Amino acid sequence: MHTVLEDIDLLLTPTPPDIEGLYDRIANRYEQFRALWITLAGNAVERPMLEELQAILAPGLRVLDAGCGTGTLGRRIHTRNPSTRLTLLDLSSAMLAHTTDIPAARVQASVLDLPFSDRSFDLVVSSWVIETVPDPLKAVSEYLRVLTDDGYVLYTFCSLPAGWVSRAGTALLRATVEHRFGGNFLPPEQTPWHDCDRSIRLRSHAGLTTFVILRKCCAVGPGILPTPMTGAGYPLWPPTGETLGTDTADVRHAHEATRRLS
């Protein structure tokens, strides 16, 4: 059983220079820290993602959990639909070692270079991953590459809040995530996003967390982003531009939007 002093020691010990080494080191405590992040900020976008997964999952669906960590999301996918054909991918072997209870294929690889052929999966999910890699646009481009023509990509990530007040108020939390867990809070110009009638973006906590749904047609990458996403005024769902919270109306809006994408 881990003690508070051990957690403090983990947070204060110098971070390994490489992401694989960092997550190998924290694998035994990752679930605890992930749960804390979800409580503090992540639930506002992860909950709608889980609700969308419930609606999309179907028997026999080929699902890739890209950057699966210790398997939190993979377990939920298997529990909700045990007949899905699940593949768990992570760069960290220590993280993957915690997923052996999940009936799934396991692959140690980077989300920046997925070892799968084009159109291999009907659904790609990625939770709190793209902000930890050097090229988030490349990661999402890879998700789209391995997606079937009628499939879905769902991902959540840490994003830079809009406005100096929100940024000042979240400075300590952001600093902890950035320096201890290798995460970045992506500014608009680094956000993998395609603004079209088949995509959805939800933000919460003044933009601190983001959930995106893309389809196969939604290309992302340098020079492809269709709108200059600057400041607080870049496009959001719903079209009115309000930041979503966690109430059931927000989740319902997301469901209704996803049905229109089908």
Protein backbone atom coordinates (compact mmCIF):
# COMPACT_ATOMS: atom_id res chain seq x y z
CA MET A 1 0.00 0.00 0.00
CA HIS A 2 1.43 3.33 -1.06
CA THR A 3 1.84 6.09 1.49
CA VAL A 4 1.46 9.84 1.11
CA LEU A 5 5.23 10.20 1.64
CA GLU A 6 5.87 7.81 -1.26
CA ASP A 7 3.56 9.85 -3.48
CA ILE A 8 5.34 13.07 -2.50
CA ASP A 9 8.70 11.42 -3.20
CA LEU A 10 7.48 10.36 -6.64
CA LEU A 11 6.37 13.89 -7.42
CA LEU A 12 9.64 15.44 -6.22
CA THR A 13 12.07 12.97 -7.80
CA PRO A 14 13.60 14.25 -11.07
CA THR A 15 11.55 13.20 -14.08
CA PRO A 16 13.18 10.80 -16.60
CA PRO A 17 14.01 12.64 -19.85
CA ASP A 18 12.04 10.23 -22.06
CA ILE A 19 8.30 9.60 -21.99
CA GLU A 20 8.67 5.82 -21.99
CA GLY A 21 10.96 5.95 -18.95
CA LEU A 22 8.67 8.41 -17.20
CA TYR A 23 5.60 6.20 -17.52
CA ASP A 24 7.55 3.03 -16.72
CA ARG A 25 8.49 4.75 -13.47
CA ILE A 26 4.99 5.84 -12.45
CA ALA A 27 3.07 2.80 -13.76
CA ASN A 28 2.42 1.36 -10.30
CA ARG A 29 0.80 4.61 -9.14
CA TYR A 30 -0.69 5.81 -12.42
CA GLU A 31 -4.28 4.78 -11.59
CA GLN A 32 -4.16 6.85 -8.40
CA PHE A 33 -2.88 9.97 -10.14
CA ARG A 34 -5.26 9.50 -13.06
CA ALA A 35 -8.22 9.30 -10.69
CA LEU A 36 -7.11 12.53 -9.02
CA TRP A 37 -6.87 14.29 -12.39
CA ILE A 38 -10.35 13.08 -13.35
CA THR A 39 -11.72 14.41 -10.06
CA LEU A 40 -10.02 17.79 -10.39
CA ALA A 41 -10.72 18.49 -14.07
CA GLY A 42 -10.95 15.53 -16.43
CA ASN A 43 -14.42 14.21 -15.68
CA ALA A 44 -16.14 17.10 -17.44
CA VAL A 45 -14.99 15.75 -20.82
CA GLU A 46 -14.24 12.10 -20.03
CA ARG A 47 -17.81 11.41 -18.95
CA PRO A 48 -19.29 12.54 -22.29
CA MET A 49 -16.66 10.42 -24.05
CA LEU A 50 -17.72 7.35 -22.06
CA GLU A 51 -21.37 8.04 -22.87
CA GLU A 52 -20.51 8.27 -26.57
CA LEU A 53 -18.57 5.01 -26.37
CA GLN A 54 -21.63 3.34 -24.90
CA ALA A 55 -23.67 4.49 -27.89
CA ILE A 56 -21.07 3.53 -30.52
CA LEU A 57 -19.82 0.16 -29.24
CA ALA A 58 -21.28 -2.87 -31.01
CA PRO A 59 -20.49 -6.61 -31.08
CA GLY A 60 -17.40 -7.44 -33.11
CA LEU A 61 -16.24 -3.84 -33.43
CA ARG A 62 -12.47 -3.52 -33.85
CA VAL A 63 -11.35 -1.02 -31.20
CA LEU A 64 -7.91 0.49 -30.64
CA ASP A 65 -7.16 2.06 -27.26
CA ALA A 66 -4.20 4.23 -28.30
CA GLY A 67 -2.04 5.08 -25.31
CA CYS A 68 -3.99 2.72 -23.07
CA GLY A 69 -1.92 3.31 -19.93
CA THR A 70 -2.82 0.79 -17.24
CA GLY A 71 -6.08 -0.10 -18.98
CA THR A 72 -8.72 2.07 -17.30
CA LEU A 73 -10.54 2.82 -20.54
CA GLY A 74 -9.96 -0.65 -21.99
CA ARG A 75 -11.61 -2.29 -18.97
CA ARG A 76 -14.67 -0.10 -19.38
CA ILE A 77 -14.87 -0.91 -23.08
CA HIS A 78 -14.67 -4.65 -22.39
CA THR A 79 -17.24 -4.42 -19.57
CA ARG A 80 -19.72 -2.52 -21.71
CA ASN A 81 -19.31 -4.78 -24.74
CA PRO A 82 -17.24 -7.93 -24.11
CA SER A 83 -17.43 -9.03 -27.76
CA THR A 84 -15.47 -6.04 -29.08
CA ARG A 85 -12.12 -6.94 -30.64
CA LEU A 86 -9.92 -4.78 -28.46
CA THR A 87 -6.29 -3.80 -29.03
CA LEU A 88 -4.35 -2.03 -26.28
CA LEU A 89 -1.33 0.03 -27.35
CA ASP A 90 1.15 1.90 -25.18
CA LEU A 91 4.77 2.98 -25.38
CA SER A 92 5.44 1.83 -21.81
CA SER A 93 5.90 -1.89 -21.15
CA ALA A 94 5.30 -1.28 -17.44
CA MET A 95 1.92 0.28 -18.21
CA LEU A 96 0.94 -2.62 -20.47
CA ALA A 97 1.92 -5.06 -17.72
CA HIS A 98 -1.03 -3.75 -15.70
CA THR A 99 -3.53 -4.67 -18.44
CA THR A 100 -3.17 -8.47 -18.41
CA ASP A 101 -6.63 -8.88 -16.87
CA ILE A 102 -8.23 -7.43 -20.01
CA PRO A 103 -9.03 -9.82 -22.91
CA ALA A 104 -7.23 -7.91 -25.65
CA ALA A 105 -4.26 -7.83 -27.97
CA ARG A 106 -1.36 -5.85 -26.51
CA VAL A 107 1.12 -3.85 -28.55
CA GLN A 108 4.06 -1.79 -27.31
CA ALA A 109 4.48 1.08 -29.75
CA SER A 110 4.19 4.84 -30.17
CA VAL A 111 0.98 6.58 -31.20
CA LEU A 112 3.17 8.59 -33.59
CA ASP A 113 3.88 5.47 -35.66
CA LEU A 114 1.05 2.96 -35.28
CA PRO A 115 2.14 -0.52 -36.43
CA PHE A 116 -1.14 -1.22 -38.22
CA SER A 117 -2.25 -1.06 -41.83
CA ASP A 118 -4.70 1.55 -43.06
CA ARG A 119 -8.36 1.05 -42.10
CA SER A 120 -7.62 -1.55 -39.41
CA PHE A 121 -10.07 -0.30 -36.76
CA ASP A 122 -13.71 0.73 -36.55
CA LEU A 123 -13.10 2.87 -33.46
CA VAL A 124 -9.99 4.56 -32.07
CA VAL A 125 -10.08 5.97 -28.54
CA SER A 126 -7.30 7.90 -26.86
CA SER A 127 -7.61 9.39 -23.38
CA TRP A 128 -5.09 11.97 -22.10
CA VAL A 129 -2.39 10.91 -24.55
CA ILE A 130 -1.78 13.35 -27.41
CA GLU A 131 -0.58 16.11 -25.08
CA THR A 132 2.29 13.86 -23.94
CA VAL A 133 3.85 13.35 -27.38
CA PRO A 134 6.07 15.71 -29.41
CA ASP A 135 3.63 15.97 -32.34
CA PRO A 136 -0.08 15.78 -31.39
CA LEU A 137 -1.16 16.43 -34.98
CA LYS A 138 0.84 13.42 -36.15
CA ALA A 139 -0.75 11.24 -33.47
CA VAL A 140 -4.29 12.13 -34.54
CA SER A 141 -3.32 11.74 -38.20
CA GLU A 142 -2.24 8.20 -37.34
CA TYR A 143 -5.56 7.56 -35.58
CA LEU A 144 -7.38 8.63 -38.72
CA ARG A 145 -5.11 6.58 -40.98
CA VAL A 146 -5.96 3.29 -39.25
CA LEU A 147 -9.68 4.13 -39.08
CA THR A 148 -12.26 2.54 -41.37
CA ASP A 149 -14.27 4.78 -43.66
CA ASP A 150 -17.33 4.74 -41.38
CA GLY A 151 -15.44 4.70 -38.08
CA TYR A 152 -14.98 7.13 -35.20
CA VAL A 153 -11.97 8.66 -33.46
CA LEU A 154 -12.62 9.85 -29.88
CA TYR A 155 -9.96 11.55 -27.78
CA THR A 156 -9.58 13.74 -24.71
CA PHE A 157 -6.60 15.94 -23.90
CA CYS A 158 -5.33 18.79 -21.76
CA SER A 159 -5.66 22.18 -23.47
CA LEU A 160 -4.56 25.69 -22.64
CA PRO A 161 -7.38 27.70 -21.01
CA ALA A 162 -8.57 30.87 -22.70
CA GLY A 163 -7.81 34.16 -20.97
CA TRP A 164 -5.22 35.16 -18.40
CA VAL A 165 -7.57 34.71 -15.43
CA SER A 166 -8.21 31.05 -16.26
CA ARG A 167 -4.54 30.48 -16.99
CA ALA A 168 -3.47 32.05 -13.69
CA GLY A 169 -6.04 30.05 -11.75
CA THR A 170 -4.85 26.75 -13.21
CA ALA A 171 -1.12 27.52 -13.22
CA LEU A 172 -0.16 25.20 -10.36
CA LEU A 173 -2.20 22.28 -11.66
CA ARG A 174 -0.81 22.75 -15.15
CA ALA A 175 2.76 22.98 -13.86
CA THR A 176 2.38 19.69 -11.98
CA VAL A 177 1.02 17.86 -15.03
CA GLU A 178 3.64 19.35 -17.35
CA HIS A 179 6.70 18.76 -15.19
CA ARG A 180 5.80 15.48 -13.45
CA PHE A 181 3.78 13.61 -16.09
CA GLY A 182 5.22 14.88 -19.37
CA GLY A 183 1.95 16.50 -20.43
CA ASN A 184 1.42 19.80 -22.22
CA PHE A 185 -1.67 21.96 -22.29
CA LEU A 186 -2.11 22.36 -26.01
CA PRO A 187 -2.63 25.91 -27.33
CA PRO A 188 -5.11 26.40 -30.18
CA GLU A 189 -2.44 26.33 -32.89
CA GLN A 190 -1.33 22.86 -31.77
CA THR A 191 -4.82 21.42 -31.35
CA PRO A 192 -5.64 18.53 -33.73
CA TRP A 193 -9.08 19.52 -34.89
CA HIS A 194 -11.12 19.61 -38.09
CA ASP A 195 -14.08 21.98 -38.10
CA CYS A 196 -16.81 20.38 -40.21
CA ASP A 197 -20.34 19.06 -39.86
CA ARG A 198 -19.03 15.56 -38.99
CA SER A 199 -16.81 16.62 -36.09
CA ILE A 200 -17.52 17.65 -32.49
CA ARG A 201 -15.43 19.45 -29.90
CA LEU A 202 -16.39 19.88 -26.24
CA ARG A 203 -14.35 21.98 -23.83
CA SER A 204 -14.68 22.46 -20.08
CA HIS A 205 -13.09 24.43 -17.24
CA ALA A 206 -12.60 27.47 -19.52
CA GLY A 207 -10.77 25.30 -22.02
CA LEU A 208 -8.54 23.32 -19.63
CA THR A 209 -9.86 19.98 -20.96
CA THR A 210 -11.15 19.03 -24.40
CA PHE A 211 -13.01 16.10 -25.98
CA VAL A 212 -13.06 15.62 -29.76
CA ILE A 213 -14.91 13.27 -32.11
CA LEU A 214 -13.62 12.97 -35.68
CA ARG A 215 -14.60 10.85 -38.67
CA LYS A 216 -12.44 9.44 -41.45
CA CYS A 217 -12.93 12.53 -43.63
CA CYS A 218 -11.57 14.89 -40.96
CA ALA A 219 -7.98 15.52 -42.02
CA VAL A 220 -5.71 17.24 -39.52
CA GLY A 221 -2.15 18.52 -39.76
CA PRO A 222 -0.04 21.61 -40.48
CA GLY A 223 -1.64 23.69 -43.19
CA ILE A 224 -4.85 21.65 -43.09
CA LEU A 225 -6.58 23.14 -40.07
CA PRO A 226 -9.52 24.99 -41.60
CA THR A 227 -9.84 27.86 -39.14
CA PRO A 228 -7.35 30.04 -37.23
CA MET A 229 -8.10 28.86 -33.68
CA THR A 230 -6.92 31.83 -31.65
CA GLY A 231 -8.00 33.10 -28.25
CA ALA A 232 -11.41 32.26 -26.82
CA GLY A 233 -13.36 32.72 -30.05
CA TYR A 234 -12.46 29.62 -32.04
CA PRO A 235 -15.32 27.24 -32.91
CA LEU A 236 -16.88 25.10 -30.21
CA TRP A 237 -19.76 22.71 -29.88
CA PRO A 238 -22.53 23.74 -29.35
CA PRO A 239 -22.38 26.42 -32.08
CA THR A 240 -23.32 29.12 -29.57
CA GLY A 241 -19.78 28.78 -28.22
CA GLU A 242 -20.49 28.13 -24.56
CA THR A 243 -18.04 26.02 -22.61
CA LEU A 244 -19.61 22.75 -21.53
CA GLY A 245 -19.77 21.57 -17.95
CA THR A 246 -20.82 18.23 -16.55
CA ASP A 247 -24.60 18.32 -16.32
CA THR A 248 -26.83 15.88 -18.17
CA ALA A 249 -27.94 18.50 -20.69
CA ASP A 250 -24.35 18.83 -21.90
CA VAL A 251 -24.06 15.08 -22.36
CA ARG A 252 -27.40 15.02 -24.18
CA HIS A 253 -26.20 17.73 -26.58
CA ALA A 254 -23.16 15.60 -27.39
CA HIS A 255 -25.30 12.50 -27.98
CA GLU A 256 -27.64 14.37 -30.30
CA ALA A 257 -24.70 15.76 -32.24
CA THR A 258 -23.10 12.33 -32.60
CA ARG A 259 -26.33 10.88 -33.92
CA ARG A 260 -26.24 13.53 -36.64
CA LEU A 261 -22.71 12.40 -37.54
CA SER A 262 -23.80 8.82 -38.13
